[in-house]
C-alpha atoms as a PDB file:
ATOM      1  CA  MET A   1      79.022  93.619  67.693  1.00  0.00           C
ATOM      2  CA  ILE A   2      78.701  94.509  71.511  1.00  0.00           C
ATOM      3  CA  ARG A   3      80.816  97.386  72.987  1.00  0.00           C
ATOM      4  CA  ARG A   4      81.028  96.626  76.312  1.00  0.00           C
ATOM      5  CA  PRO A   5      81.718  99.684  78.869  1.00  0.00           C
ATOM      6  CA  PRO A   6      85.202 100.778  80.183  1.00  0.00           C
ATOM      7  CA  ILE A   7      86.330  98.506  83.704  1.00  0.00           C
ATOM      8  CA  SER A   8      85.871 102.221  85.148  1.00  0.00           C
ATOM      9  CA  TYR A   9      82.602 103.005  84.341  1.00  0.00           C
ATOM     10  CA  ILE A  10      81.540  99.826  85.932  1.00  0.00           C
ATOM     11  CA  LYS A  11      83.215 100.109  88.811  1.00  0.00           C
ATOM     12  CA  LEU A  12      81.875 104.009  89.294  1.00  0.00           C
ATOM     13  CA  SER A  13      78.452 102.708  88.755  1.00  0.00           C
ATOM     14  CA  ILE A  14      79.067  99.973  91.327  1.00  0.00           C
ATOM     15  CA  THR A  15      79.948 102.570  93.661  1.00  0.00           C
ATOM     16  CA  ARG A  16      77.030 104.783  92.815  1.00  0.00           C
ATOM     17  CA  TRP A  17      74.723 101.833  93.434  1.00  0.00           C
ATOM     18  CA  TRP A  18      75.819 101.426  96.607  1.00  0.00           C
ATOM     19  CA  ILE A  19      75.071 104.921  97.860  1.00  0.00           C
ATOM     20  CA  THR A  20      71.540 104.036  97.245  1.00  0.00           C
ATOM     21  CA  ARG A  21      71.667 102.020  99.990  1.00  0.00           C
ATOM     22  CA  HIS A  22      69.534  98.970  98.532  1.00  0.00           C
ATOM     23  CA  SER A  23      71.782  95.963  99.193  1.00  0.00           C
ATOM     24  CA  SER A  24      74.434  94.734 101.453  1.00  0.00           C
ATOM     25  CA  THR A  25      76.041  92.907  98.808  1.00  0.00           C
ATOM     26  CA  VAL A  26      77.936  95.698  97.209  1.00  0.00           C
ATOM     27  CA  VAL A  27      79.183  97.180 100.004  1.00  0.00           C
ATOM     28  CA  ALA A  28      81.467  93.980  99.578  1.00  0.00           C
ATOM     29  CA  ILE A  29      81.901  94.709  96.114  1.00  0.00           C
ATOM     30  CA  THR A  30      83.029  98.404  96.776  1.00  0.00           C
ATOM     31  CA  THR A  31      85.641  97.315  99.345  1.00  0.00           C
ATOM     32  CA  THR A  32      87.858  94.822  97.741  1.00  0.00           C
ATOM     33  CA  ALA A  33      91.682  95.043  98.096  1.00  0.00           C
ATOM     34  CA  ALA A  34      91.893  95.712  94.783  1.00  0.00           C
ATOM     35  CA  GLN A  35      89.783  99.075  94.756  1.00  0.00           C
ATOM     36  CA  LYS A  36      91.705  99.865  98.417  1.00  0.00           C
ATOM     37  CA  LYS A  37      95.326  99.866  96.566  1.00  0.00           C
ATOM     38  CA  LEU A  38      97.332 102.769  97.025  1.00  0.00           C
ATOM     39  CA  PRO A  39      99.832 104.524  94.887  1.00  0.00           C
ATOM     40  CA  PRO A  40     103.530 103.497  95.584  1.00  0.00           C
ATOM     41  CA  SER A  41     105.410 105.950  97.760  1.00  0.00           C
ATOM     42  CA  SER A  42     107.243 108.712  95.806  1.00  0.00           C
ATOM     43  CA  SER A  43     110.588 107.674  97.801  1.00  0.00           C
ATOM     44  CA  ILE A  44     112.421 104.532  97.669  1.00  0.00           C
ATOM     45  CA  HIS A  45     114.221 105.627 101.026  1.00  0.00           C
ATOM     46  CA  HIS A  46     111.596 106.234 103.545  1.00  0.00           C
ATOM     47  CA  HIS A  47     107.727 105.539 103.479  1.00  0.00           C
ATOM     48  CA  ASP A  48     106.673 106.806 106.996  1.00  0.00           C
ATOM     49  CA  LEU A  49     108.195 109.625 109.891  1.00  0.00           C
ATOM     50  CA  PRO A  50     110.385 106.969 111.341  1.00  0.00           C
ATOM     51  CA  SER A  51     111.849 105.624 108.658  1.00  0.00           C
ATOM     52  CA  PHE A  52     112.493 109.475 106.838  1.00  0.00           C
ATOM     53  CA  LEU A  53     113.846 110.583 110.589  1.00  0.00           C
ATOM     54  CA  ALA A  54     116.532 107.744 109.924  1.00  0.00           C
ATOM     55  CA  HIS A  55     116.932 108.959 106.318  1.00  0.00           C
ATOM     56  CA  ALA A  56     117.917 112.576 107.324  1.00  0.00           C
ATOM     57  CA  ARG A  57     119.746 111.501 110.145  1.00  0.00           C
ATOM     58  CA  ARG A  58     122.242 109.135 107.714  1.00  0.00           C
ATOM     59  CA  THR A  59     121.687 111.624 105.171  1.00  0.00           C
ATOM     60  CA  ARG A  60     122.924 114.737 107.219  1.00  0.00           C
ATOM     61  CA  LEU A  61     119.940 116.804 106.348  1.00  0.00           C
ATOM     62  CA  SER A  62     119.705 120.081 107.943  1.00  0.00           C
ATOM     63  CA  PRO A  63     116.276 120.307 110.341  1.00  0.00           C
ATOM     64  CA  THR A  64     115.601 123.276 109.024  1.00  0.00           C
ATOM     65  CA  SER A  65     115.711 123.074 105.317  1.00  0.00           C
ATOM     66  CA  THR A  66     112.626 123.447 103.671  1.00  0.00           C
ATOM     67  CA  LEU A  67     112.848 119.507 102.202  1.00  0.00           C
ATOM     68  CA  TYR A  68     113.236 118.574 106.150  1.00  0.00           C
ATOM     69  CA  THR A  69     110.582 120.705 107.694  1.00  0.00           C
ATOM     70  CA  GLY A  70     107.972 119.872 104.378  1.00  0.00           C
ATOM     71  CA  THR A  71     108.571 116.063 104.426  1.00  0.00           C
ATOM     72  CA  ARG A  72     108.530 115.971 108.277  1.00  0.00           C
ATOM     73  CA  TYR A  73     105.133 117.348 108.435  1.00  0.00           C
ATOM     74  CA  GLU A  74     103.645 115.578 105.458  1.00  0.00           C
ATOM     75  CA  TYR A  75     104.037 112.028 107.026  1.00  0.00           C
ATOM     76  CA  ILE A  76     103.077 113.110 110.706  1.00  0.00           C
ATOM     77  CA  CYS A  77      99.834 114.539 108.635  1.00  0.00           C
ATOM     78  CA  LEU A  78     100.328 110.956 107.423  1.00  0.00           C
ATOM     79  CA  GLN A  79     100.107 109.321 110.854  1.00  0.00           C
ATOM     80  CA  THR A  80      97.638 111.720 112.547  1.00  0.00           C
ATOM     81  CA  LEU A  81      94.655 111.242 110.234  1.00  0.00           C
ATOM     82  CA  ALA A  82      95.248 107.473 110.590  1.00  0.00           C
ATOM     83  CA  ARG A  83      93.343 108.052 114.114  1.00  0.00           C
ATOM     84  CA  LEU A  84      90.613 109.325 111.979  1.00  0.00           C
ATOM     85  CA  SER A  85      90.416 106.273 109.415  1.00  0.00           C
ATOM     86  CA  PHE A  86      92.442 107.976 106.654  1.00  0.00           C
ATOM     87  CA  THR A  87      94.586 105.368 104.981  1.00  0.00           C
ATOM     88  CA  LEU A  88      97.463 107.106 103.092  1.00  0.00           C
ATOM     89  CA  THR A  89     100.877 107.059 100.999  1.00  0.00           C
ATOM     90  CA  ARG A  90     103.369 109.919 100.433  1.00  0.00           C
ATOM     91  CA  THR A  91     103.188 110.880  97.063  1.00  0.00           C
ATOM     92  CA  GLY A  92     104.957 114.303  97.455  1.00  0.00           C
ATOM     93  CA  GLY A  93     107.449 115.324  95.527  1.00  0.00           C
ATOM     94  CA  ARG A  94     109.082 117.887  92.623  1.00  0.00           C
ATOM     95  CA  ALA A  95     106.690 117.149  90.380  1.00  0.00           C
ATOM     96  CA  ASP A  96     103.303 116.454  92.774  1.00  0.00           C
ATOM     97  CA  TYR A  97     101.155 118.924  91.195  1.00  0.00           C
ATOM     98  CA  GLY A  98     100.241 120.119  94.570  1.00  0.00           C
ATOM     99  CA  ILE A  99      99.449 116.413  95.812  1.00  0.00           C
ATOM    100  CA  ASP A 100     101.278 115.609  99.054  1.00  0.00           C
ATOM    101  CA  LEU A 101      99.306 112.228 100.395  1.00  0.00           C
ATOM    102  CA  VAL A 102      97.042 110.052  98.383  1.00  0.00           C
ATOM    103  CA  GLY A 103      94.201 107.377  99.834  1.00  0.00           C
ATOM    104  CA  HIS A 104      90.803 106.643 101.155  1.00  0.00           C
ATOM    105  CA  TRP A 105      88.543 107.887 103.956  1.00  0.00           C
ATOM    106  CA  HIS A 106      87.094 104.928 105.521  1.00  0.00           C
ATOM    107  CA  PRO A 107      84.258 105.955 107.734  1.00  0.00           C
ATOM    108  CA  ALA A 108      83.028 101.977 108.256  1.00  0.00           C
ATOM    109  CA  ASN A 109      86.286 101.434 109.905  1.00  0.00           C
ATOM    110  CA  ALA A 110      85.261 103.554 113.000  1.00  0.00           C
ATOM    111  CA  SER A 111      83.780 101.949 116.081  1.00  0.00           C
ATOM    112  CA  SER A 112      81.457 103.843 118.561  1.00  0.00           C
ATOM    113  CA  SER A 113      80.852 102.794 122.379  1.00  0.00           C
ATOM    114  CA  SER A 114      77.341 102.461 121.036  1.00  0.00           C
ATOM    115  CA  SER A 115      77.464  99.599 118.779  1.00  0.00           C
ATOM    116  CA  SER A 116      73.795 100.631 117.072  1.00  0.00           C
ATOM    117  CA  SER A 117      75.443 103.547 116.011  1.00  0.00           C
ATOM    118  CA  SER A 118      78.280 101.864 114.548  1.00  0.00           C
ATOM    119  CA  SER A 119      76.679  99.996 112.605  1.00  0.00           C
ATOM    120  CA  SER A 120      75.103 102.254 110.582  1.00  0.00           C
ATOM    121  CA  LEU A 121      78.274 104.246 109.505  1.00  0.00           C
ATOM    122  CA  PRO A 122      79.028 104.333 105.597  1.00  0.00           C
ATOM    123  CA  SER A 123      80.591 101.333 104.611  1.00  0.00           C
ATOM    124  CA  HIS A 124      82.539 102.646 101.499  1.00  0.00           C
ATOM    125  CA  PRO A 125      85.949 103.942 101.374  1.00  0.00           C
ATOM    126  CA  LEU A 126      86.375 107.481  99.970  1.00  0.00           C
ATOM    127  CA  ARG A 127      88.978 108.637  97.435  1.00  0.00           C
ATOM    128  CA  VAL A 128      91.157 111.461  98.965  1.00  0.00           C
ATOM    129  CA  LEU A 129      93.715 114.122  97.593  1.00  0.00           C
ATOM    130  CA  VAL A 130      95.257 115.855 100.604  1.00  0.00           C
ATOM    131  CA  GLN A 131      97.485 118.534 100.682  1.00  0.00           C
ATOM    132  CA  CYS A 132      99.706 119.432 103.565  1.00  0.00           C
ATOM    133  CA  LYS A 133     100.189 122.764 104.179  1.00  0.00           C
ATOM    134  CA  ALA A 134     103.002 124.011 106.887  1.00  0.00           C
ATOM    135  CA  LEU A 135     101.504 127.765 107.276  1.00  0.00           C
ATOM    136  CA  ARG A 136     103.089 130.045 109.575  1.00  0.00           C
ATOM    137  CA  SER A 137     100.640 132.861 107.889  1.00  0.00           C
ATOM    138  CA  LYS A 138      97.044 133.672 107.595  1.00  0.00           C
ATOM    139  CA  PRO A 139      95.448 131.358 104.934  1.00  0.00           C
ATOM    140  CA  ALA A 140      93.443 132.806 102.473  1.00  0.00           C
ATOM    141  CA  PRO A 141      90.818 131.558 100.594  1.00  0.00           C
ATOM    142  CA  ALA A 142      92.870 131.259  97.567  1.00  0.00           C
ATOM    143  CA  LEU A 143      94.209 127.924  98.869  1.00  0.00           C
ATOM    144  CA  ILE A 144      90.839 126.180  98.517  1.00  0.00           C
ATOM    145  CA  ARG A 145      90.652 127.552  95.118  1.00  0.00           C
ATOM    146  CA  GLU A 146      93.972 126.231  94.288  1.00  0.00           C
ATOM    147  CA  LEU A 147      93.016 122.866  96.294  1.00  0.00           C
ATOM    148  CA  GLU A 148      89.963 122.368  93.687  1.00  0.00           C
ATOM    149  CA  GLY A 149      93.058 122.179  90.769  1.00  0.00           C
ATOM    150  CA  ILE A 150      94.675 119.320  92.386  1.00  0.00           C
ATOM    151  CA  TYR A 151      92.578 116.821  90.327  1.00  0.00           C
ATOM    152  CA  ALA A 152      94.525 117.072  87.044  1.00  0.00           C
ATOM    153  CA  GLY A 153      97.407 115.897  88.680  1.00  0.00           C
ATOM    154  CA  ALA A 154      95.981 112.786  90.583  1.00  0.00           C
ATOM    155  CA  PRO A 155      97.039 109.155  89.872  1.00  0.00           C
ATOM    156  CA  ALA A 156      94.760 107.229  87.951  1.00  0.00           C
ATOM    157  CA  GLY A 157      91.101 105.990  89.664  1.00  0.00           C
ATOM    158  CA  TRP A 158      91.258 109.664  92.024  1.00  0.00           C
ATOM    159  CA  ARG A 159      90.515 112.431  88.966  1.00  0.00           C
ATOM    160  CA  ASN A 160      87.274 112.090  89.509  1.00  0.00           C
ATOM    161  CA  GLY A 161      86.005 115.559  91.514  1.00  0.00           C
ATOM    162  CA  ASP A 162      82.599 114.428  92.289  1.00  0.00           C
ATOM    163  CA  THR A 163      83.448 111.193  93.661  1.00  0.00           C
ATOM    164  CA  THR A 164      87.501 112.046  95.140  1.00  0.00           C
ATOM    165  CA  ILE A 165      87.231 114.322  98.115  1.00  0.00           C
ATOM    166  CA  ALA A 166      90.003 117.410  98.436  1.00  0.00           C
ATOM    167  CA  VAL A 167      91.807 117.622 102.011  1.00  0.00           C
ATOM    168  CA  LEU A 168      93.695 120.656 102.737  1.00  0.00           C
ATOM    169  CA  VAL A 169      95.707 120.206 106.090  1.00  0.00           C
ATOM    170  CA  ALA A 170      97.414 122.950 107.325  1.00  0.00           C
ATOM    171  CA  LYS A 171      98.697 124.363 111.364  1.00  0.00           C
ATOM    172  CA  ARG A 172      96.588 127.167 111.263  1.00  0.00           C
ATOM    173  CA  PRO A 173      92.363 127.465 111.786  1.00  0.00           C
ATOM    174  CA  ALA A 174      90.260 128.357 108.752  1.00  0.00           C
ATOM    175  CA  THR A 175      89.478 131.881 108.554  1.00  0.00           C
ATOM    176  CA  LYS A 176      85.875 133.269 107.507  1.00  0.00           C
ATOM    177  CA  GLY A 177      87.132 133.983 103.450  1.00  0.00           C
ATOM    178  CA  VAL A 178      88.246 130.363 103.761  1.00  0.00           C
ATOM    179  CA  ARG A 179      85.295 128.629 105.563  1.00  0.00           C
ATOM    180  CA  GLU A 180      82.827 130.413 102.435  1.00  0.00           C
ATOM    181  CA  ALA A 181      85.418 128.964  99.621  1.00  0.00           C
ATOM    182  CA  LEU A 182      85.001 125.846 101.162  1.00  0.00           C
ATOM    183  CA  ARG A 183      80.812 126.114 101.506  1.00  0.00           C
ATOM    184  CA  CYS A 184      80.991 127.575  97.878  1.00  0.00           C
ATOM    185  CA  SER A 185      83.109 125.332  96.011  1.00  0.00           C
ATOM    186  CA  ARG A 186      81.693 122.386  93.409  1.00  0.00           C
ATOM    187  CA  VAL A 187      83.865 119.859  94.633  1.00  0.00           C
ATOM    188  CA  PRO A 188      84.453 117.767  98.055  1.00  0.00           C
ATOM    189  CA  VAL A 189      86.490 119.789  99.958  1.00  0.00           C
ATOM    190  CA  MET A 190      87.408 119.228 103.695  1.00  0.00           C
ATOM    191  CA  TRP A 191      89.933 121.353 105.898  1.00  0.00           C
ATOM    192  CA  VAL A 192      92.019 120.063 108.776  1.00  0.00           C
ATOM    193  CA  MET A 193      93.780 121.984 111.040  1.00  0.00           C
ATOM    194  CA  LEU A 194      96.826 119.667 112.503  1.00  0.00           C
ATOM    195  CA  GLU A 195      98.992 121.136 114.962  1.00  0.00           C
ATOM    196  CA  GLU A 196     102.641 119.641 115.698  1.00  0.00           C
ATOM    197  CA  LEU A 197     103.385 119.295 118.942  1.00  0.00           C
ATOM    198  CA  ALA A 198     106.657 119.286 119.169  1.00  0.00           C
ATOM    199  CA  GLU A 199     106.674 123.155 118.252  1.00  0.00           C
ATOM    200  CA  ARG A 200     104.767 123.995 121.160  1.00  0.00           C
ATOM    201  CA  ASP A 201     107.274 121.845 123.369  1.00  0.00           C
ATOM    202  CA  GLY A 202     109.895 124.192 121.786  1.00  0.00           C
ATOM    203  CA  GLY A 203     112.060 120.820 120.803  1.00  0.00           C
ATOM    204  CA  TYR A 204     111.300 117.964 118.312  1.00  0.00           C
ATOM    205  CA  VAL A 205     111.121 114.175 119.954  1.00  0.00           C
ATOM    206  CA  GLU A 206     111.519 111.766 117.279  1.00  0.00           C
ATOM    207  CA  GLU A 207     110.766 108.608 119.187  1.00  0.00           C
ATOM    208  CA  ALA A 208     108.682 106.732 116.989  1.00  0.00           C
ATOM    209  CA  GLU A 209     105.592 105.648 118.948  1.00  0.00           C
ATOM    210  CA  GLU A 210     104.919 108.867 120.073  1.00  0.00           C
ATOM    211  CA  GLU A 211     102.326 111.383 118.910  1.00  0.00           C
ATOM    212  CA  LYS A 212     103.355 113.927 116.675  1.00  0.00           C
ATOM    213  CA  GLY A 213     100.259 115.702 115.792  1.00  0.00           C
ATOM    214  CA  ARG A 214      96.650 116.872 117.139  1.00  0.00           C
ATOM    215  CA  VAL A 215      93.825 117.595 115.077  1.00  0.00           C
ATOM    216  CA  ARG A 216      92.114 120.709 116.234  1.00  0.00           C
ATOM    217  CA  GLN A 217      89.508 121.297 113.540  1.00  0.00           C
ATOM    218  CA  ILE A 218      87.716 119.753 110.798  1.00  0.00           C
ATOM    219  CA  LEU A 219      85.744 120.885 108.300  1.00  0.00           C
ATOM    220  CA  TRP A 220      83.726 119.793 105.011  1.00  0.00           C
ATOM    221  CA  ASN A 221      81.614 121.324 102.350  1.00  0.00           C
ATOM    222  CA  ALA A 222      77.708 119.852 101.378  1.00  0.00           C
ATOM    223  CA  LYS A 223      79.663 117.784  98.400  1.00  0.00           C
ATOM    224  CA  VAL A 224      81.439 115.956 101.273  1.00  0.00           C
ATOM    225  CA  ILE A 225      77.712 114.940 102.743  1.00  0.00           C
ATOM    226  CA  GLU A 226      76.392 114.075  99.394  1.00  0.00           C
ATOM    227  CA  LEU A 227      78.919 111.002  99.463  1.00  0.00           C
ATOM    228  CA  GLY A 228      77.169 109.075 102.247  1.00  0.00           C
ATOM    229  CA  VAL A 229      78.041 110.632 105.684  1.00  0.00           C
ATOM    230  CA  GLU A 230      75.257 112.083 106.544  1.00  0.00           C
ATOM    231  CA  GLY A 231      75.481 112.186 110.254  1.00  0.00           C
ATOM    232  CA  LEU A 232      79.108 112.348 110.372  1.00  0.00           C
ATOM    233  CA  GLY A 233      80.415 115.090 112.816  1.00  0.00           C
ATOM    234  CA  VAL A 234      82.828 116.664 114.819  1.00  0.00           C
ATOM    235  CA  GLY A 235      83.459 116.642 118.737  1.00  0.00           C
ATOM    236  CA  VAL A 236      86.155 117.135 121.624  1.00  0.00           C
ATOM    237  CA  ARG A 237      87.786 114.374 123.394  1.00  0.00           C
ATOM    238  CA  TYR A 238      89.709 115.237 126.325  1.00  0.00           C
ATOM    239  CA  LEU A 239      92.870 113.575 126.848  1.00  0.00           C
ATOM    240  CA  SER A 240      94.384 111.836 130.338  1.00  0.00           C
ATOM    241  CA  PRO A 241      96.333 114.522 132.281  1.00  0.00           C
ATOM    242  CA  SER A 242     100.260 114.929 130.960  1.00  0.00           C
ATOM    243  CA  SER A 243     102.934 116.979 130.490  1.00  0.00           C
ATOM    244  CA  SER A 244     102.577 116.873 126.637  1.00  0.00           C
ATOM    245  CA  SER A 245     101.913 119.869 124.788  1.00  0.00           C
ATOM    246  CA  GLY A 246      98.767 120.963 123.443  1.00  0.00           C
ATOM    247  CA  GLU A 247      95.449 122.703 123.745  1.00  0.00           C
ATOM    248  CA  LYS A 248      94.679 122.067 127.641  1.00  0.00           C
ATOM    249  CA  ARG A 249      91.931 123.360 130.376  1.00  0.00           C
ATOM    250  CA  GLY A 250      91.890 122.146 133.979  1.00  0.00           C
ATOM    251  CA  ASP A 251      90.371 119.627 135.859  1.00  0.00           C
ATOM    252  CA  ASN A 252      88.741 119.563 139.148  1.00  0.00           C
ATOM    253  CA  ARG A 253      92.347 118.548 141.027  1.00  0.00           C
ATOM    254  CA  GLY A 254      93.900 121.472 139.066  1.00  0.00           C
ATOM    255  CA  ARG A 255      95.874 119.500 136.381  1.00  0.00           C
ATOM    256  CA  SER A 256      96.321 120.142 132.722  1.00  0.00           C
ATOM    257  CA  VAL A 257      94.018 118.061 130.577  1.00  0.00           C
ATOM    258  CA  GLU A 258      94.837 117.938 126.948  1.00  0.00           C
ATOM    259  CA  LYS A 259      92.038 118.264 124.071  1.00  0.00           C
ATOM    260  CA  GLU A 260      91.948 116.970 120.686  1.00  0.00           C
ATOM    261  CA  VAL A 261      89.182 117.373 117.894  1.00  0.00           C
ATOM    262  CA  VAL A 262      87.482 113.925 116.910  1.00  0.00           C
ATOM    263  CA  LEU A 263      84.836 112.557 114.702  1.00  0.00           C
ATOM    264  CA  THR A 264      81.606 111.863 115.971  1.00  0.00           C
ATOM    265  CA  TRP A 265      78.561 109.621 114.676  1.00  0.00           C
ATOM    266  CA  LYS A 266      75.121 110.682 115.762  1.00  0.00           C
ATOM    267  CA  GLY A 267      76.895 112.684 118.688  1.00  0.00           C
ATOM    268  CA  GLU A 268      78.829 109.737 119.711  1.00  0.00           C
ATOM    269  CA  PRO A 269      82.645 109.965 119.511  1.00  0.00           C
ATOM    270  CA  VAL A 270      84.183 107.491 116.919  1.00  0.00           C
ATOM    271  CA  VAL A 271      87.529 105.956 116.968  1.00  0.00           C
ATOM    272  CA  ALA A 272      89.667 104.388 114.098  1.00  0.00           C
ATOM    273  CA  GLY A 273      89.719 101.028 113.663  1.00  0.00           C
ATOM    274  CA  ARG A 274      91.489  98.345 111.263  1.00  0.00           C
ATOM    275  CA  GLU A 275      91.104  97.735 107.958  1.00  0.00           C
ATOM    276  CA  GLU A 276      89.192  95.020 106.783  1.00  0.00           C
ATOM    277  CA  GLU A 277      90.934  93.028 104.062  1.00  0.00           C
ATOM    278  CA  GLY A 278      89.053  92.552 101.043  1.00  0.00           C
END
C-alpha cells in the first residue's frame, strides 16, 4: 500500500516551492483563505481595543491594574502593527506560553508609490508569533533567548521555527546586547519598538478611531531575510504637523512634525493594503 505524506508536509513543500519563485501559480496556492485562517481569540468578551475598553468600563477594571495595562498594550500592538501589514489575533492569557498575538505578516499586501517596486514584493504570508513587553527598564539579551522558546506553546501551524517569525514588541529600543542576541539567533526574529502615544501625553484617550501607538524601531535578523524579504528595509515617515504626541522635528514654519518608522521596498516607503480574499 502506498503511504501518502501528511497534509502539513504537502503544504510546507508548496510554500518552499514558492520561495524558489519559479511559478506565479504557486503564489495563489499559498495565499488561500485556509492558510490565512487565524486561531480564535483568547477572550469571548473582547477582540480588539474598542471592545476591551468597553469591557473594562463595564466590569470596572482598574486602569492601573496589570491586567488592564498589559491587555491594553497588546491590543495597541495589534492595532498599530496592522499598518505594517500584520494580520493578528490576541491569544494571550494565563497559559499563553509567552505568546500574546498570533497571525501573519503580508509583505505582498503593501502598496508602494512606485508600481514597479510593489509588483516585486514577496507574495506569500509569513506566520508570526508576537510577544508584547511593556518594559519600563532597559531590555536585556535574555528576552531574545526567551523569545526563541515560544514555538513549543504555539498553535498548530505556527510551531515551525524555520518558517515562523518570532516578534518581540517593546516600549524601549533594542540595546547593543539585544541586537547581538538577535543577530546570533538561529530562528527568524524581529524586534519592534512600539510606543504608546497616550503615555507621552500623560493621559489616555479612549476614542477607538484615534491611533494609539507609534513604531519607533524595526530590526530583524538574517533568518527573516531568508524567508523571502530581500529588498525590504526601514525608513522614516514624517507626518502632518499636529498637536499629537510623538517624536517630532520642526518644519520650515516652526511647527512640529511627528515621525514614525515605516517599511521600505528598495528604498521607497510602503503602506499597508487590504488583504485579498482567498
